[in-house]
Protein backbone atom coordinates (compact mmCIF):
# COMPACT_ATOMS: atom_id res chain seq x y z
CA UNK A 1 84.12 56.71 91.53
CA UNK A 2 85.06 55.32 94.90
CA UNK A 3 83.87 56.77 98.20
CA UNK A 4 84.76 55.31 101.61
CA UNK A 5 82.81 55.76 104.84
CA UNK A 6 84.04 54.97 108.35
CA UNK A 7 80.63 54.32 109.92
CA UNK A 8 80.42 54.56 113.71
CA UNK A 9 76.64 54.89 113.87
CA UNK A 10 74.38 53.03 113.59
CA UNK A 11 76.22 49.81 114.38
CA UNK A 12 75.15 46.77 116.38
CA UNK A 13 76.83 45.62 119.57
CA UNK A 14 77.14 41.97 120.58
CA UNK A 15 73.65 42.10 122.12
CA UNK A 16 72.11 43.33 118.88
CA UNK A 17 71.46 46.87 120.16
CA UNK A 18 72.22 49.92 118.02
CA UNK A 19 75.16 51.85 119.45
CA UNK A 20 77.77 54.45 118.52
CA UNK A 21 81.41 53.33 118.51
CA UNK A 22 84.48 55.42 119.28
CA UNK A 23 86.81 56.90 116.68
CA UNK A 24 90.45 55.77 116.84
CA UNK A 25 93.59 57.28 115.31
CA UNK A 26 94.46 53.96 113.71
CA UNK A 27 91.08 53.80 111.92
CA UNK A 28 91.50 57.22 110.34
CA UNK A 29 95.16 56.75 109.43
CA UNK A 30 94.79 53.28 107.93
CA UNK A 31 91.62 54.01 105.98
CA UNK A 32 93.05 57.31 104.68
CA UNK A 33 96.06 55.40 103.33
CA UNK A 34 93.74 52.86 101.72
CA UNK A 35 91.66 55.67 100.18
CA UNK A 36 94.78 57.29 98.74
CA UNK A 37 96.11 53.98 97.41
CA UNK A 38 92.88 53.15 95.58
CA UNK A 39 92.09 56.68 94.42
CA UNK A 40 88.97 57.29 96.47
CA UNK A 41 87.27 60.61 95.73
CA UNK A 42 86.29 61.13 99.39
CA UNK A 43 86.66 59.51 102.80
CA UNK A 44 83.82 60.28 105.21
CA UNK A 45 83.63 59.67 108.96
CA UNK A 46 80.13 59.26 110.42
CA UNK A 47 79.63 59.76 114.15
CA UNK A 48 76.74 61.62 115.82
CA UNK A 49 78.68 62.54 118.98
CA UNK A 50 80.17 66.05 118.86
CA UNK A 51 83.17 65.13 121.04
CA UNK A 52 84.02 62.23 118.73
CA UNK A 53 83.79 64.44 115.66
CA UNK A 54 86.08 66.97 117.38
CA UNK A 55 88.52 64.16 118.14
CA UNK A 56 88.47 63.09 114.50
CA UNK A 57 89.26 66.66 113.46
CA UNK A 58 92.20 66.78 115.91
CA UNK A 59 93.56 63.51 114.53
CA UNK A 60 93.19 64.71 110.94
CA UNK A 61 94.93 67.99 111.80
CA UNK A 62 97.80 66.04 113.36
CA UNK A 63 98.37 64.12 110.12
CA UNK A 64 97.87 67.12 107.82
CA UNK A 65 99.48 70.00 109.72
CA UNK A 66 101.01 68.76 112.96
CA UNK A 67 103.97 66.59 113.82
CA UNK A 68 102.50 63.71 111.83
CA UNK A 69 102.65 65.76 108.62
CA UNK A 70 106.46 65.70 108.76
């Protein structure tokens, strides 16, 4: 079984400090296509910031139900 995780926390910045990175539409779209191509069972997005998780949900909704679904 294949599972894919887009990990935005904990990651290291160029100074070696642990930070949280921002979610981008391109990340979700491209990795979702990769997951579908290779038959991944699940694709998880890890981010501790509520606003970023809400943004991810909006992006996913766009591709599943919104204009992007067409």
